[in-house]
C-alpha atoms as a PDB file:
ATOM      1  CA  MET A   1     101.426  86.752  90.911  1.00  0.00           C
ATOM      2  CA  GLU A   2     102.170  83.490  89.555  1.00  0.00           C
ATOM      3  CA  ASN A   3      99.094  82.946  87.662  1.00  0.00           C
ATOM      4  CA  ASP A   4      98.932  83.893  83.867  1.00  0.00           C
ATOM      5  CA  SER A   5      95.177  84.631  84.024  1.00  0.00           C
ATOM      6  CA  GLN A   6      95.391  87.240  86.760  1.00  0.00           C
ATOM      7  CA  LEU A   7      94.323  90.799  85.835  1.00  0.00           C
ATOM      8  CA  TYR A   8      95.040  94.188  87.382  1.00  0.00           C
ATOM      9  CA  ILE A   9      92.273  96.911  87.056  1.00  0.00           C
ATOM     10  CA  GLY A  10      92.935 100.360  88.264  1.00  0.00           C
ATOM     11  CA  ASN A  11      91.322 103.824  88.556  1.00  0.00           C
ATOM     12  CA  ILE A  12      87.902 102.102  89.511  1.00  0.00           C
ATOM     13  CA  PRO A  13      85.520 104.736  90.360  1.00  0.00           C
ATOM     14  CA  PHE A  14      85.089 104.787  94.199  1.00  0.00           C
ATOM     15  CA  GLU A  15      81.367 104.337  94.009  1.00  0.00           C
ATOM     16  CA  TYR A  16      81.859 100.722  92.552  1.00  0.00           C
ATOM     17  CA  THR A  17      81.526  97.781  94.644  1.00  0.00           C
ATOM     18  CA  GLU A  18      82.756  94.292  94.069  1.00  0.00           C
ATOM     19  CA  ARG A  19      79.270  93.095  92.984  1.00  0.00           C
ATOM     20  CA  ASP A  20      79.715  96.012  90.130  1.00  0.00           C
ATOM     21  CA  LEU A  21      83.108  94.574  89.239  1.00  0.00           C
ATOM     22  CA  GLU A  22      81.513  91.153  89.068  1.00  0.00           C
ATOM     23  CA  ARG A  23      78.612  92.283  86.581  1.00  0.00           C
ATOM     24  CA  ILE A  24      81.180  93.783  84.307  1.00  0.00           C
ATOM     25  CA  VAL A  25      83.679  91.043  84.019  1.00  0.00           C
ATOM     26  CA  GLY A  26      81.174  87.963  84.857  1.00  0.00           C
ATOM     27  CA  ASP A  27      79.660  87.723  81.427  1.00  0.00           C
ATOM     28  CA  LEU A  28      83.243  87.403  79.870  1.00  0.00           C
ATOM     29  CA  GLY A  29      84.162  84.071  81.867  1.00  0.00           C
ATOM     30  CA  GLN A  30      84.331  82.293  85.048  1.00  0.00           C
ATOM     31  CA  ILE A  31      85.812  84.498  87.814  1.00  0.00           C
ATOM     32  CA  ARG A  32      88.234  82.405  90.276  1.00  0.00           C
ATOM     33  CA  MET A  33      88.961  85.254  92.578  1.00  0.00           C
ATOM     34  CA  ILE A  34      88.391  89.096  92.967  1.00  0.00           C
ATOM     35  CA  LYS A  35      90.786  91.087  95.344  1.00  0.00           C
ATOM     36  CA  TYR A  36      88.992  94.747  95.493  1.00  0.00           C
ATOM     37  CA  PHE A  37      90.885  97.539  97.307  1.00  0.00           C
ATOM     38  CA  LYS A  38      88.125  99.920  97.058  1.00  0.00           C
ATOM     39  CA  GLU A  39      89.826 102.748  99.318  1.00  0.00           C
ATOM     40  CA  ARG A  40      92.720 102.538  96.719  1.00  0.00           C
ATOM     41  CA  GLY A  41      90.656 102.232  93.815  1.00  0.00           C
ATOM     42  CA  PHE A  42      92.065  99.054  92.254  1.00  0.00           C
ATOM     43  CA  ALA A  43      91.459  95.281  92.102  1.00  0.00           C
ATOM     44  CA  PHE A  44      93.227  91.966  91.102  1.00  0.00           C
ATOM     45  CA  ILE A  45      90.698  89.612  89.136  1.00  0.00           C
ATOM     46  CA  ASP A  46      91.698  85.945  88.424  1.00  0.00           C
ATOM     47  CA  MET A  47      89.958  84.500  85.502  1.00  0.00           C
ATOM     48  CA  ALA A  48      89.596  80.639  84.723  1.00  0.00           C
ATOM     49  CA  THR A  49      91.883  81.137  81.627  1.00  0.00           C
ATOM     50  CA  ARG A  50      94.141  83.449  79.979  1.00  0.00           C
ATOM     51  CA  GLU A  51      91.946  83.759  77.133  1.00  0.00           C
ATOM     52  CA  GLN A  52      88.843  84.930  79.268  1.00  0.00           C
ATOM     53  CA  ALA A  53      91.436  87.193  81.012  1.00  0.00           C
ATOM     54  CA  GLN A  54      92.394  88.671  77.440  1.00  0.00           C
ATOM     55  CA  ALA A  55      88.738  88.936  76.443  1.00  0.00           C
ATOM     56  CA  VAL A  56      88.223  91.157  79.826  1.00  0.00           C
ATOM     57  CA  ILE A  57      91.275  93.452  78.880  1.00  0.00           C
ATOM     58  CA  ASP A  58      89.779  93.937  75.083  1.00  0.00           C
ATOM     59  CA  PHE A  59      86.428  94.713  76.731  1.00  0.00           C
ATOM     60  CA  VAL A  60      87.389  97.074  79.338  1.00  0.00           C
ATOM     61  CA  LYS A  61      89.965  98.905  77.208  1.00  0.00           C
ATOM     62  CA  GLU A  62      87.074  99.389  74.689  1.00  0.00           C
ATOM     63  CA  MET A  63      84.437 100.288  77.205  1.00  0.00           C
ATOM     64  CA  ALA A  64      86.651 102.201  79.587  1.00  0.00           C
ATOM     65  CA  PRO A  65      84.863 105.533  78.955  1.00  0.00           C
ATOM     66  CA  VAL A  66      81.457 104.171  79.374  1.00  0.00           C
ATOM     67  CA  LEU A  67      82.348 101.983  82.455  1.00  0.00           C
ATOM     68  CA  SER A  68      83.639 105.131  84.287  1.00  0.00           C
ATOM     69  CA  ASN A  69      80.901 107.121  86.204  1.00  0.00           C
ATOM     70  CA  LYS A  70      81.824 110.832  85.804  1.00  0.00           C
ATOM     71  CA  LEU A  71      82.065 111.647  81.947  1.00  0.00           C
ATOM     72  CA  ASP A  72      82.858 114.986  80.381  1.00  0.00           C
ATOM     73  CA  THR A  73      81.138 116.445  77.504  1.00  0.00           C
ATOM     74  CA  ASP A  74      83.042 114.324  74.980  1.00  0.00           C
ATOM     75  CA  GLY A  75      82.142 111.030  76.798  1.00  0.00           C
ATOM     76  CA  PHE A  76      85.704 110.580  78.285  1.00  0.00           C
ATOM     77  CA  ASN A  77      86.529 110.300  81.933  1.00  0.00           C
ATOM     78  CA  VAL A  78      89.648 112.534  82.354  1.00  0.00           C
ATOM     79  CA  GLU A  79      89.776 112.087  86.140  1.00  0.00           C
ATOM     80  CA  ARG A  80      89.603 108.447  86.349  1.00  0.00           C
ATOM     81  CA  GLN A  81      89.765 106.485  83.199  1.00  0.00           C
ATOM     82  CA  LEU A  82      89.778 102.749  84.059  1.00  0.00           C
ATOM     83  CA  LYS A  83      93.041 101.076  83.328  1.00  0.00           C
ATOM     84  CA  VAL A  84      93.448  97.254  82.684  1.00  0.00           C
ATOM     85  CA  GLY A  85      96.591  94.984  82.364  1.00  0.00           C
ATOM     86  CA  TRP A  86      98.148  91.678  83.348  1.00  0.00           C
ATOM     87  CA  ALA A  87      99.137  91.687  87.010  1.00  0.00           C
ATOM     88  CA  LYS A  88     102.820  91.724  87.799  1.00  0.00           C
ATOM     89  CA  ALA A  89     104.425  89.903  90.399  1.00  0.00           C
ATOM     90  CA  LYS A  90     105.334  91.777  93.439  1.00  0.00           C
ATOM     91  CA  LYS A  91     108.994  92.719  93.686  1.00  0.00           C
ATOM     92  CA  MET A  92     110.720  91.495  96.648  1.00  0.00           C
ATOM     93  CA  LYS A  93     112.515  94.077  98.655  1.00  0.00           C
ATOM     94  CA  TYR A  94     115.752  93.743 100.120  1.00  0.00           C
ATOM     95  CA  PRO A  95     117.829  95.881 102.686  1.00  0.00           C
ATOM     96  CA  ARG A  96     119.304  99.001 100.780  1.00  0.00           C
ATOM     97  CA  ARG A  97     121.542  99.981 104.008  1.00  0.00           C
ATOM     98  CA  ARG A  98     123.515  98.694 106.403  1.00  0.00           C
ATOM     99  CA  HIS A  99     121.912  97.628 110.064  1.00  0.00           C
ATOM    100  CA  GLN A 100     118.936  95.954 108.349  1.00  0.00           C
ATOM    101  CA  ILE A 101     118.238  92.358 108.584  1.00  0.00           C
ATOM    102  CA  PHE A 102     115.793  90.863 105.897  1.00  0.00           C
ATOM    103  CA  SER A 103     113.955  87.887 107.265  1.00  0.00           C
ATOM    104  CA  LYS A 104     110.850  85.836 106.445  1.00  0.00           C
ATOM    105  CA  GLY A 105     109.747  88.692 103.988  1.00  0.00           C
ATOM    106  CA  LYS A 106     110.203  91.393 106.690  1.00  0.00           C
ATOM    107  CA  LEU A 107     112.661  94.144 107.178  1.00  0.00           C
ATOM    108  CA  TYR A 108     114.104  94.697 110.682  1.00  0.00           C
ATOM    109  CA  LYS A 109     116.281  97.436 111.897  1.00  0.00           C
ATOM    110  CA  VAL A 110     119.190  96.161 113.837  1.00  0.00           C
ATOM    111  CA  SER A 111     121.114  98.700 116.337  1.00  0.00           C
ATOM    112  CA  ARG A 112     125.073  98.828 115.599  1.00  0.00           C
ATOM    113  CA  TRP A 113     125.601  97.183 119.049  1.00  0.00           C
ATOM    114  CA  VAL A 114     123.595  93.992 118.109  1.00  0.00           C
ATOM    115  CA  GLU A 115     125.367  94.075 114.525  1.00  0.00           C
ATOM    116  CA  ARG A 116     128.735  93.997 116.123  1.00  0.00           C
ATOM    117  CA  LYS A 117     127.671  91.121 118.550  1.00  0.00           C
ATOM    118  CA  MET A 118     126.660  89.158 115.387  1.00  0.00           C
ATOM    119  CA  ASN A 119     129.683  89.661 113.558  1.00  0.00           C
ATOM    120  CA  ASN A 120     131.913  88.954 116.490  1.00  0.00           C
ATOM    121  CA  ALA A 121     129.851  85.720 117.645  1.00  0.00           C
ATOM    122  CA  GLN A 122     131.926  82.501 117.429  1.00  0.00           C
ATOM    123  CA  GLY A 123     129.048  80.186 117.089  1.00  0.00           C
ATOM    124  CA  PRO A 124     125.360  80.189 116.948  1.00  0.00           C
ATOM    125  CA  PHE A 125     123.253  82.362 119.468  1.00  0.00           C
END
């Protein structure tokens, strides 16, 4: 993620919708984009400025027990406490073994016969 104002919010209760996230974060600044993966319980939120993103981090960390739906008797959600932080760049995965080719962001398995042909080739295919 090349943008320095992009956030990761995890452990989102499965009952939440994208609209709920907009309500929580919208008062703290302008939202440029929300990518919400409801079935996995996390979201990436891109704010207009880094200062607005920092305000969201501070707010969610302070209000996480209240924002989580299922609270225990002490007021804390033990099961799904909201987590928030700066989004990290996705790591590129490279082949770990022989007989694999990494091309255009995808990993392909290659048979040994094809690999031998590629190694013995005199010119372009």
